[in-house]
Amino acid sequence: MTDPLIQANGAALSHKEIRRYSRHLLMPEVGLEGQKRLKAASVLIIGTGGLGSPVAMYLAAAGVGRIGLVRPHRAGGL
């Protein structure tokens, strides 16, 4: 069970998340408000190849709340 420490605009940061993102919180460019916005954000990534996979990993590590992946399927090669 998480213990919401800070909640605003539907995004709450628990004590565990405060520890996990502590370096982001120290950066003036991100801070607490930015981290709450990241948690409330949604991102859709089209393609999971050479660029999509690392982008998804970095967005998840940054704390983006919802990530959707679309991997187009093509029959027959190219």
PDB file of N, CA and C in Angstrom:
ATOM      1  N   MET A   1       0.849  -1.184   0.000  1.00  0.00           N
ATOM      2  CA  MET A   1       0.000   0.000   0.000  1.00  0.00           C
ATOM      3  C   MET A   1       0.890   1.241   0.000  1.00  0.00           C
ATOM      4  N   THR A   2       0.577   2.173  -0.860  1.00  0.00           N
ATOM      5  CA  THR A   2       1.371   3.394  -0.927  1.00  0.00           C
ATOM      6  C   THR A   2       0.781   4.448  -0.009  1.00  0.00           C
ATOM      7  N   ASP A   3       1.629   5.288   0.482  1.00  0.00           N
ATOM      8  CA  ASP A   3       1.227   6.374   1.363  1.00  0.00           C
ATOM      9  C   ASP A   3       1.389   7.680   0.603  1.00  0.00           C
ATOM     10  N   PRO A   4       0.291   8.221   0.019  1.00  0.00           N
ATOM     11  CA  PRO A   4       0.445   9.463  -0.737  1.00  0.00           C
ATOM     12  C   PRO A   4       0.937  10.605   0.149  1.00  0.00           C
ATOM     13  N   LEU A   5       2.057  11.148  -0.214  1.00  0.00           N
ATOM     14  CA  LEU A   5       2.623  12.262   0.545  1.00  0.00           C
ATOM     15  C   LEU A   5       2.137  13.577  -0.038  1.00  0.00           C
ATOM     16  N   ILE A   6       2.166  13.677  -1.349  1.00  0.00           N
ATOM     17  CA  ILE A   6       1.794  14.915  -2.022  1.00  0.00           C
ATOM     18  C   ILE A   6       0.820  14.556  -3.139  1.00  0.00           C
ATOM     19  N   GLN A   7      -0.331  15.203  -3.135  1.00  0.00           N
ATOM     20  CA  GLN A   7      -1.332  14.910  -4.151  1.00  0.00           C
ATOM     21  C   GLN A   7      -1.871  16.201  -4.730  1.00  0.00           C
ATOM     22  N   ALA A   8      -1.870  16.279  -6.047  1.00  0.00           N
ATOM     23  CA  ALA A   8      -2.449  17.436  -6.736  1.00  0.00           C
ATOM     24  C   ALA A   8      -2.750  17.038  -8.166  1.00  0.00           C
ATOM     25  N   ASN A   9      -3.852  17.516  -8.689  1.00  0.00           N
ATOM     26  CA  ASN A   9      -4.250  17.250 -10.077  1.00  0.00           C
ATOM     27  C   ASN A   9      -4.292  15.761 -10.395  1.00  0.00           C
ATOM     28  N   GLY A  10      -4.717  14.938  -9.455  1.00  0.00           N
ATOM     29  CA  GLY A  10      -4.833  13.512  -9.688  1.00  0.00           C
ATOM     30  C   GLY A  10      -3.528  12.742  -9.605  1.00  0.00           C
ATOM     31  N   ALA A  11      -2.423  13.408  -9.372  1.00  0.00           N
ATOM     32  CA  ALA A  11      -1.133  12.732  -9.272  1.00  0.00           C
ATOM     33  C   ALA A  11      -0.628  12.828  -7.838  1.00  0.00           C
ATOM     34  N   ALA A  12      -0.417  11.684  -7.226  1.00  0.00           N
ATOM     35  CA  ALA A  12       0.114  11.647  -5.862  1.00  0.00           C
ATOM     36  C   ALA A  12       1.486  11.005  -5.894  1.00  0.00           C
ATOM     37  N   LEU A  13       2.403  11.519  -5.120  1.00  0.00           N
ATOM     38  CA  LEU A  13       3.729  10.923  -4.998  1.00  0.00           C
ATOM     39  C   LEU A  13       3.832  10.294  -3.615  1.00  0.00           C
ATOM     40  N   SER A  14       4.122   9.002  -3.589  1.00  0.00           N
ATOM     41  CA  SER A  14       4.284   8.300  -2.326  1.00  0.00           C
ATOM     42  C   SER A  14       5.695   8.526  -1.791  1.00  0.00           C
ATOM     43  N   HIS A  15       5.915   8.081  -0.570  1.00  0.00           N
ATOM     44  CA  HIS A  15       7.257   8.188   0.006  1.00  0.00           C
ATOM     45  C   HIS A  15       8.274   7.416  -0.841  1.00  0.00           C
ATOM     46  N   LYS A  16       7.846   6.258  -1.343  1.00  0.00           N
ATOM     47  CA  LYS A  16       8.735   5.440  -2.187  1.00  0.00           C
ATOM     48  C   LYS A  16       9.094   6.188  -3.475  1.00  0.00           C
ATOM     49  N   GLU A  17       8.115   6.850  -4.088  1.00  0.00           N
ATOM     50  CA  GLU A  17       8.378   7.608  -5.313  1.00  0.00           C
ATOM     51  C   GLU A  17       9.243   8.835  -5.034  1.00  0.00           C
ATOM     52  N   ILE A  18       9.038   9.463  -3.891  1.00  0.00           N
ATOM     53  CA  ILE A  18       9.887  10.598  -3.517  1.00  0.00           C
ATOM     54  C   ILE A  18      11.340  10.140  -3.445  1.00  0.00           C
ATOM     55  N   ARG A  19      11.582   8.973  -2.860  1.00  0.00           N
ATOM     56  CA  ARG A  19      12.965   8.446  -2.797  1.00  0.00           C
ATOM     57  C   ARG A  19      13.467   8.080  -4.188  1.00  0.00           C
ATOM     58  N   ARG A  20      12.622   7.429  -4.984  1.00  0.00           N
ATOM     59  CA  ARG A  20      13.047   6.984  -6.313  1.00  0.00           C
ATOM     60  C   ARG A  20      13.409   8.154  -7.223  1.00  0.00           C
ATOM     61  N   TYR A  21      12.617   9.213  -7.187  1.00  0.00           N
ATOM     62  CA  TYR A  21      12.823  10.355  -8.075  1.00  0.00           C
ATOM     63  C   TYR A  21      13.489  11.522  -7.365  1.00  0.00           C
ATOM     64  N   SER A  22      14.194  11.268  -6.291  1.00  0.00           N
ATOM     65  CA  SER A  22      14.795  12.342  -5.491  1.00  0.00           C
ATOM     66  C   SER A  22      15.747  13.214  -6.308  1.00  0.00           C
ATOM     67  N   ARG A  23      16.463  12.617  -7.236  1.00  0.00           N
ATOM     68  CA  ARG A  23      17.380  13.428  -8.059  1.00  0.00           C
ATOM     69  C   ARG A  23      16.625  14.332  -9.018  1.00  0.00           C
ATOM     70  N   HIS A  24      15.483  13.860  -9.514  1.00  0.00           N
ATOM     71  CA  HIS A  24      14.658  14.715 -10.374  1.00  0.00           C
ATOM     72  C   HIS A  24      14.104  15.879  -9.568  1.00  0.00           C
ATOM     73  N   LEU A  25      13.725  15.594  -8.341  1.00  0.00           N
ATOM     74  CA  LEU A  25      13.118  16.622  -7.504  1.00  0.00           C
ATOM     75  C   LEU A  25      14.110  17.720  -7.154  1.00  0.00           C
ATOM     76  N   LEU A  26      15.392  17.379  -7.115  1.00  0.00           N
ATOM     77  CA  LEU A  26      16.419  18.362  -6.796  1.00  0.00           C
ATOM     78  C   LEU A  26      16.732  19.291  -7.972  1.00  0.00           C
ATOM     79  N   MET A  27      16.427  18.837  -9.180  1.00  0.00           N
ATOM     80  CA  MET A  27      16.709  19.652 -10.365  1.00  0.00           C
ATOM     81  C   MET A  27      15.676  20.776 -10.482  1.00  0.00           C
ATOM     82  N   PRO A  28      16.137  22.025 -10.581  1.00  0.00           N
ATOM     83  CA  PRO A  28      15.175  23.130 -10.689  1.00  0.00           C
ATOM     84  C   PRO A  28      14.312  23.046 -11.952  1.00  0.00           C
ATOM     85  N   GLU A  29      14.812  22.393 -13.005  1.00  0.00           N
ATOM     86  CA  GLU A  29      14.058  22.268 -14.250  1.00  0.00           C
ATOM     87  C   GLU A  29      12.885  21.304 -14.115  1.00  0.00           C
ATOM     88  N   VAL A  30      12.948  20.379 -13.165  1.00  0.00           N
ATOM     89  CA  VAL A  30      11.889  19.386 -12.977  1.00  0.00           C
ATOM     90  C   VAL A  30      11.145  19.691 -11.683  1.00  0.00           C
ATOM     91  N   GLY A  31      11.777  19.468 -10.566  1.00  0.00           N
ATOM     92  CA  GLY A  31      11.171  19.754  -9.275  1.00  0.00           C
ATOM     93  C   GLY A  31       9.947  18.915  -8.981  1.00  0.00           C
ATOM     94  N   LEU A  32       9.280  19.237  -7.918  1.00  0.00           N
ATOM     95  CA  LEU A  32       8.108  18.486  -7.481  1.00  0.00           C
ATOM     96  C   LEU A  32       6.957  18.620  -8.460  1.00  0.00           C
ATOM     97  N   GLU A  33       6.696  19.829  -8.906  1.00  0.00           N
ATOM     98  CA  GLU A  33       5.580  20.042  -9.833  1.00  0.00           C
ATOM     99  C   GLU A  33       5.817  19.313 -11.155  1.00  0.00           C
ATOM    100  N   GLY A  34       7.034  19.338 -11.672  1.00  0.00           N
ATOM    101  CA  GLY A  34       7.354  18.632 -12.907  1.00  0.00           C
ATOM    102  C   GLY A  34       7.209  17.130 -12.769  1.00  0.00           C
ATOM    103  N   GLN A  35       7.618  16.577 -11.624  1.00  0.00           N
ATOM    104  CA  GLN A  35       7.512  15.132 -11.420  1.00  0.00           C
ATOM    105  C   GLN A  35       6.050  14.713 -11.312  1.00  0.00           C
ATOM    106  N   LYS A  36       5.224  15.538 -10.696  1.00  0.00           N
ATOM    107  CA  LYS A  36       3.790  15.241 -10.634  1.00  0.00           C
ATOM    108  C   LYS A  36       3.178  15.296 -12.032  1.00  0.00           C
ATOM    109  N   ARG A  37       3.642  16.238 -12.860  1.00  0.00           N
ATOM    110  CA  ARG A  37       3.146  16.321 -14.233  1.00  0.00           C
ATOM    111  C   ARG A  37       3.575  15.107 -15.043  1.00  0.00           C
ATOM    112  N   LEU A  38       4.809  14.632 -14.829  1.00  0.00           N
ATOM    113  CA  LEU A  38       5.268  13.421 -15.517  1.00  0.00           C
ATOM    114  C   LEU A  38       4.406  12.222 -15.129  1.00  0.00           C
ATOM    115  N   LYS A  39       4.104  12.097 -13.858  1.00  0.00           N
ATOM    116  CA  LYS A  39       3.303  10.964 -13.394  1.00  0.00           C
ATOM    117  C   LYS A  39       1.895  11.007 -13.983  1.00  0.00           C
ATOM    118  N   ALA A  40       1.356  12.201 -14.178  1.00  0.00           N
ATOM    119  CA  ALA A  40       0.011  12.351 -14.730  1.00  0.00           C
ATOM    120  C   ALA A  40      -0.012  12.265 -16.257  1.00  0.00           C
ATOM    121  N   ALA A  41       1.159  12.250 -16.899  1.00  0.00           N
ATOM    122  CA  ALA A  41       1.246  12.285 -18.364  1.00  0.00           C
ATOM    123  C   ALA A  41       0.979  10.923 -18.992  1.00  0.00           C
ATOM    124  N   SER A  42       0.542  10.954 -20.246  1.00  0.00           N
ATOM    125  CA  SER A  42       0.359   9.763 -21.074  1.00  0.00           C
ATOM    126  C   SER A  42       1.150   9.942 -22.355  1.00  0.00           C
ATOM    127  N   VAL A  43       1.793   8.868 -22.806  1.00  0.00           N
ATOM    128  CA  VAL A  43       2.609   8.901 -24.021  1.00  0.00           C
ATOM    129  C   VAL A  43       2.277   7.674 -24.862  1.00  0.00           C
ATOM    130  N   LEU A  44       2.150   7.855 -26.166  1.00  0.00           N
ATOM    131  CA  LEU A  44       1.955   6.752 -27.093  1.00  0.00           C
ATOM    132  C   LEU A  44       3.176   6.668 -27.995  1.00  0.00           C
ATOM    133  N   ILE A  45       3.826   5.520 -28.016  1.00  0.00           N
ATOM    134  CA  ILE A  45       5.024   5.306 -28.826  1.00  0.00           C
ATOM    135  C   ILE A  45       4.645   4.389 -29.979  1.00  0.00           C
ATOM    136  N   ILE A  46       4.847   4.870 -31.195  1.00  0.00           N
ATOM    137  CA  ILE A  46       4.559   4.088 -32.392  1.00  0.00           C
ATOM    138  C   ILE A  46       5.862   3.443 -32.847  1.00  0.00           C
ATOM    139  N   GLY A  47       5.920   2.136 -32.794  1.00  0.00           N
ATOM    140  CA  GLY A  47       7.112   1.392 -33.185  1.00  0.00           C
ATOM    141  C   GLY A  47       7.962   1.053 -31.971  1.00  0.00           C
ATOM    142  N   THR A  48       8.380  -0.198 -31.905  1.00  0.00           N
ATOM    143  CA  THR A  48       9.188  -0.652 -30.769  1.00  0.00           C
ATOM    144  C   THR A  48      10.539  -1.161 -31.242  1.00  0.00           C
ATOM    145  N   GLY A  49      11.041  -0.558 -32.294  1.00  0.00           N
ATOM    146  CA  GLY A  49      12.327  -0.975 -32.848  1.00  0.00           C
ATOM    147  C   GLY A  49      13.496  -0.291 -32.177  1.00  0.00           C
ATOM    148  N   GLY A  50      14.463   0.101 -32.984  1.00  0.00           N
ATOM    149  CA  GLY A  50      15.716   0.659 -32.490  1.00  0.00           C
ATOM    150  C   GLY A  50      15.570   1.944 -31.704  1.00  0.00           C
ATOM    151  N   LEU A  51      14.562   2.754 -31.989  1.00  0.00           N
ATOM    152  CA  LEU A  51      14.350   3.992 -31.240  1.00  0.00           C
ATOM    153  C   LEU A  51      13.241   3.845 -30.201  1.00  0.00           C
ATOM    154  N   GLY A  52      12.171   3.158 -30.546  1.00  0.00           N
ATOM    155  CA  GLY A  52      11.019   3.054 -29.659  1.00  0.00           C
ATOM    156  C   GLY A  52      11.301   2.337 -28.350  1.00  0.00           C
ATOM    157  N   SER A  53      12.073   1.258 -28.398  1.00  0.00           N
ATOM    158  CA  SER A  53      12.360   0.500 -27.173  1.00  0.00           C
ATOM    159  C   SER A  53      13.131   1.317 -26.142  1.00  0.00           C
ATOM    160  N   PRO A  54      14.259   1.950 -26.518  1.00  0.00           N
ATOM    161  CA  PRO A  54      14.951   2.750 -25.503  1.00  0.00           C
ATOM    162  C   PRO A  54      14.145   3.965 -25.044  1.00  0.00           C
ATOM    163  N   VAL A  55      13.349   4.549 -25.939  1.00  0.00           N
ATOM    164  CA  VAL A  55      12.521   5.686 -25.536  1.00  0.00           C
ATOM    165  C   VAL A  55      11.533   5.241 -24.464  1.00  0.00           C
ATOM    166  N   ALA A  56      10.910   4.090 -24.657  1.00  0.00           N
ATOM    167  CA  ALA A  56       9.958   3.570 -23.671  1.00  0.00           C
ATOM    168  C   ALA A  56      10.647   3.330 -22.327  1.00  0.00           C
ATOM    169  N   MET A  57      11.838   2.777 -22.367  1.00  0.00           N
ATOM    170  CA  MET A  57      12.587   2.508 -21.135  1.00  0.00           C
ATOM    171  C   MET A  57      12.912   3.812 -20.398  1.00  0.00           C
ATOM    172  N   TYR A  58      13.378   4.823 -21.121  1.00  0.00           N
ATOM    173  CA  TYR A  58      13.735   6.089 -20.488  1.00  0.00           C
ATOM    174  C   TYR A  58      12.513   6.818 -19.950  1.00  0.00           C
ATOM    175  N   LEU A  59      11.406   6.775 -20.674  1.00  0.00           N
ATOM    176  CA  LEU A  59      10.188   7.418 -20.190  1.00  0.00           C
ATOM    177  C   LEU A  59       9.676   6.739 -18.926  1.00  0.00           C
ATOM    178  N   ALA A  60       9.742   5.409 -18.892  1.00  0.00           N
ATOM    179  CA  ALA A  60       9.328   4.685 -17.692  1.00  0.00           C
ATOM    180  C   ALA A  60      10.233   5.032 -16.515  1.00  0.00           C
ATOM    181  N   ALA A  61      11.538   5.103 -16.765  1.00  0.00           N
ATOM    182  CA  ALA A  61      12.480   5.441 -15.693  1.00  0.00           C
ATOM    183  C   ALA A  61      12.291   6.871 -15.204  1.00  0.00           C
ATOM    184  N   ALA A  62      11.824   7.764 -16.081  1.00  0.00           N
ATOM    185  CA  ALA A  62      11.601   9.154 -15.694  1.00  0.00           C
ATOM    186  C   ALA A  62      10.331   9.313 -14.870  1.00  0.00           C
ATOM    187  N   GLY A  63       9.443   8.313 -14.928  1.00  0.00           N
ATOM    188  CA  GLY A  63       8.233   8.360 -14.117  1.00  0.00           C
ATOM    189  C   GLY A  63       6.974   8.718 -14.859  1.00  0.00           C
ATOM    190  N   VAL A  64       6.968   8.589 -16.190  1.00  0.00           N
ATOM    191  CA  VAL A  64       5.758   8.861 -16.954  1.00  0.00           C
ATOM    192  C   VAL A  64       4.689   7.857 -16.522  1.00  0.00           C
ATOM    193  N   GLY A  65       3.494   8.369 -16.228  1.00  0.00           N
ATOM    194  CA  GLY A  65       2.438   7.553 -15.635  1.00  0.00           C
ATOM    195  C   GLY A  65       1.857   6.485 -16.528  1.00  0.00           C
ATOM    196  N   ARG A  66       1.639   6.780 -17.803  1.00  0.00           N
ATOM    197  CA  ARG A  66       0.992   5.820 -18.697  1.00  0.00           C
ATOM    198  C   ARG A  66       1.714   5.829 -20.029  1.00  0.00           C
ATOM    199  N   ILE A  67       2.171   4.650 -20.448  1.00  0.00           N
ATOM    200  CA  ILE A  67       2.908   4.512 -21.714  1.00  0.00           C
ATOM    201  C   ILE A  67       2.197   3.467 -22.564  1.00  0.00           C
ATOM    202  N   GLY A  68       1.842   3.857 -23.762  1.00  0.00           N
ATOM    203  CA  GLY A  68       1.243   2.923 -24.716  1.00  0.00           C
ATOM    204  C   GLY A  68       2.245   2.617 -25.815  1.00  0.00           C
ATOM    205  N   LEU A  69       2.289   1.356 -26.229  1.00  0.00           N
ATOM    206  CA  LEU A  69       3.195   0.931 -27.298  1.00  0.00           C
ATOM    207  C   LEU A  69       2.382   0.358 -28.449  1.00  0.00           C
ATOM    208  N   VAL A  70       2.700   0.793 -29.651  1.00  0.00           N
ATOM    209  CA  VAL A  70       2.060   0.266 -30.843  1.00  0.00           C
ATOM    210  C   VAL A  70       3.156  -0.305 -31.724  1.00  0.00           C
ATOM    211  N   ARG A  71       3.037  -1.573 -32.028  1.00  0.00           N
ATOM    212  CA  ARG A  71       4.012  -2.226 -32.902  1.00  0.00           C
ATOM    213  C   ARG A  71       3.284  -2.637 -34.180  1.00  0.00           C
ATOM    214  N   PRO A  72       3.459  -1.830 -35.239  1.00  0.00           N
ATOM    215  CA  PRO A  72       2.768  -2.164 -36.487  1.00  0.00           C
ATOM    216  C   PRO A  72       3.216  -3.530 -37.013  1.00  0.00           C
ATOM    217  N   HIS A  73       2.266  -4.290 -37.497  1.00  0.00           N
ATOM    218  CA  HIS A  73       2.600  -5.598 -38.054  1.00  0.00           C
ATOM    219  C   HIS A  73       2.438  -5.542 -39.565  1.00  0.00           C
ATOM    220  N   ARG A  74       3.496  -5.957 -40.227  1.00  0.00           N
ATOM    221  CA  ARG A  74       3.461  -6.017 -41.694  1.00  0.00           C
ATOM    222  C   ARG A  74       3.670  -7.460 -42.100  1.00  0.00           C
ATOM    223  N   ALA A  75       2.804  -7.928 -42.936  1.00  0.00           N
ATOM    224  CA  ALA A  75       2.923  -9.296 -43.424  1.00  0.00           C
ATOM    225  C   ALA A  75       3.909  -9.324 -44.591  1.00  0.00           C
ATOM    226  N   GLY A  76       4.852 -10.242 -44.544  1.00  0.00           N
ATOM    227  CA  GLY A  76       5.712 -10.500 -45.678  1.00  0.00           C
ATOM    228  C   GLY A  76       7.032  -9.767 -45.763  1.00  0.00           C
ATOM    229  N   GLY A  77       7.567  -9.247 -44.718  1.00  0.00           N
ATOM    230  CA  GLY A  77       8.918  -8.672 -44.824  1.00  0.00           C
ATOM    231  C   GLY A  77       8.963  -7.168 -44.748  1.00  0.00           C
ATOM    232  N   LEU A  78       9.827  -6.566 -45.529  1.00  0.00           N
ATOM    233  CA  LEU A  78      10.090  -5.127 -45.521  1.00  0.00           C
ATOM    234  C   LEU A  78       9.089  -4.399 -44.709  1.00  0.00           C
TER     235      LEU A  78
END
